Amino acid sequence: MKAAELKGMSLDQLDDQLAKLKKEQFNLRFQRASGQLERTSRIREVRRDIARVMTVARTKRAGSAQKSA
């Protein structure tokens, strides 16, 4: 997922995307533990996507708080 795509989303959409990615991360960890994971690089991709979503959400929240102050 690209950061440009995330910047166009609202905070609610970012929160939904974050929940979806965390659920996928849990499922990937479970698959790895049981030996069923085929693409191990997906764990790294999901972890980085989570970081991107959290970063964009944090900057949006900081920007909206700054405007209201």
C-alpha atoms as a PDB file:
ATOM      1  CA  MET A   1       0.000   0.000   0.000  1.00  0.00           C
ATOM      2  CA  LYS A   2       1.346   3.388  -0.991  1.00  0.00           C
ATOM      3  CA  ALA A   3       1.456   6.357   1.362  1.00  0.00           C
ATOM      4  CA  ALA A   4      -0.237   8.505  -1.299  1.00  0.00           C
ATOM      5  CA  GLU A   5      -3.275   6.197  -1.220  1.00  0.00           C
ATOM      6  CA  LEU A   6      -3.427   6.456   2.558  1.00  0.00           C
ATOM      7  CA  LYS A   7      -3.226  10.256   2.593  1.00  0.00           C
ATOM      8  CA  GLY A   8      -6.464  10.398   0.605  1.00  0.00           C
ATOM      9  CA  MET A   9      -8.361   8.395   3.220  1.00  0.00           C
ATOM     10  CA  SER A  10     -10.327   9.780   6.154  1.00  0.00           C
ATOM     11  CA  LEU A  11      -9.406   8.947   9.753  1.00  0.00           C
ATOM     12  CA  ASP A  12     -12.257   6.425   9.982  1.00  0.00           C
ATOM     13  CA  GLN A  13     -11.039   4.673   6.852  1.00  0.00           C
ATOM     14  CA  LEU A  14      -7.498   4.616   8.218  1.00  0.00           C
ATOM     15  CA  ASP A  15      -8.718   3.084  11.482  1.00  0.00           C
ATOM     16  CA  ASP A  16     -10.613   0.415   9.529  1.00  0.00           C
ATOM     17  CA  GLN A  17      -7.560  -0.295   7.389  1.00  0.00           C
ATOM     18  CA  LEU A  18      -5.408  -0.582  10.513  1.00  0.00           C
ATOM     19  CA  ALA A  19      -7.800  -3.093  12.068  1.00  0.00           C
ATOM     20  CA  LYS A  20      -7.823  -5.120   8.847  1.00  0.00           C
ATOM     21  CA  LEU A  21      -4.025  -5.178   8.677  1.00  0.00           C
ATOM     22  CA  LYS A  22      -3.666  -6.168  12.340  1.00  0.00           C
ATOM     23  CA  LYS A  23      -6.080  -9.050  11.767  1.00  0.00           C
ATOM     24  CA  GLU A  24      -4.076 -10.150   8.726  1.00  0.00           C
ATOM     25  CA  GLN A  25      -0.868  -9.922  10.760  1.00  0.00           C
ATOM     26  CA  PHE A  26      -2.370 -12.169  13.434  1.00  0.00           C
ATOM     27  CA  ASN A  27      -3.445 -14.712  10.827  1.00  0.00           C
ATOM     28  CA  LEU A  28       0.003 -14.691   9.224  1.00  0.00           C
ATOM     29  CA  ARG A  29       1.666 -15.271  12.600  1.00  0.00           C
ATOM     30  CA  PHE A  30      -0.681 -18.165  13.241  1.00  0.00           C
ATOM     31  CA  GLN A  31       0.090 -19.670   9.819  1.00  0.00           C
ATOM     32  CA  ARG A  32       3.834 -19.298  10.422  1.00  0.00           C
ATOM     33  CA  ALA A  33       3.571 -21.039  13.792  1.00  0.00           C
ATOM     34  CA  SER A  34       1.655 -23.947  12.297  1.00  0.00           C
ATOM     35  CA  GLY A  35       3.999 -24.238   9.301  1.00  0.00           C
ATOM     36  CA  GLN A  36       1.400 -23.304   6.686  1.00  0.00           C
ATOM     37  CA  LEU A  37       2.809 -19.936   5.624  1.00  0.00           C
ATOM     38  CA  GLU A  38       4.067 -19.977   2.036  1.00  0.00           C
ATOM     39  CA  ARG A  39       5.060 -16.326   1.502  1.00  0.00           C
ATOM     40  CA  THR A  40       7.030 -15.282   4.557  1.00  0.00           C
ATOM     41  CA  SER A  41       7.779 -11.869   3.049  1.00  0.00           C
ATOM     42  CA  ARG A  42       4.107 -10.954   3.477  1.00  0.00           C
ATOM     43  CA  ILE A  43       4.660 -10.611   7.247  1.00  0.00           C
ATOM     44  CA  ARG A  44       7.210  -7.866   6.616  1.00  0.00           C
ATOM     45  CA  GLU A  45       4.951  -6.119   4.087  1.00  0.00           C
ATOM     46  CA  VAL A  46       2.002  -6.099   6.490  1.00  0.00           C
ATOM     47  CA  ARG A  47       4.157  -4.804   9.353  1.00  0.00           C
ATOM     48  CA  ARG A  48       5.352  -1.917   7.190  1.00  0.00           C
ATOM     49  CA  ASP A  49       1.819  -1.188   5.965  1.00  0.00           C
ATOM     50  CA  ILE A  50       0.685  -0.980   9.601  1.00  0.00           C
ATOM     51  CA  ALA A  51       3.459   1.523  10.286  1.00  0.00           C
ATOM     52  CA  ARG A  52       2.443   3.600   7.246  1.00  0.00           C
ATOM     53  CA  VAL A  53      -1.197   3.692   8.299  1.00  0.00           C
ATOM     54  CA  MET A  54      -0.286   4.670  11.844  1.00  0.00           C
ATOM     55  CA  THR A  55       2.053   7.413  10.621  1.00  0.00           C
ATOM     56  CA  VAL A  56      -0.504   8.938   8.246  1.00  0.00           C
ATOM     57  CA  ALA A  57      -3.224   8.760  10.918  1.00  0.00           C
ATOM     58  CA  ARG A  58      -0.941  10.416  13.466  1.00  0.00           C
ATOM     59  CA  THR A  59      -0.076  13.287  11.110  1.00  0.00           C
ATOM     60  CA  LYS A  60      -3.749  13.806  10.228  1.00  0.00           C
ATOM     61  CA  ARG A  61      -4.721  13.875  13.890  1.00  0.00           C
ATOM     62  CA  ALA A  62      -1.914  16.295  14.671  1.00  0.00           C
ATOM     63  CA  GLY A  63      -2.940  18.493  11.751  1.00  0.00           C
ATOM     64  CA  SER A  64      -6.580  18.613  12.801  1.00  0.00           C
ATOM     65  CA  ALA A  65      -5.613  19.369  16.416  1.00  0.00           C
ATOM     66  CA  GLN A  66      -3.354  22.166  15.264  1.00  0.00           C
ATOM     67  CA  LYS A  67      -6.128  23.740  13.153  1.00  0.00           C
ATOM     68  CA  SER A  68      -8.577  23.760  16.052  1.00  0.00           C
ATOM     69  CA  ALA A  69      -6.091  25.346  18.467  1.00  0.00           C
END
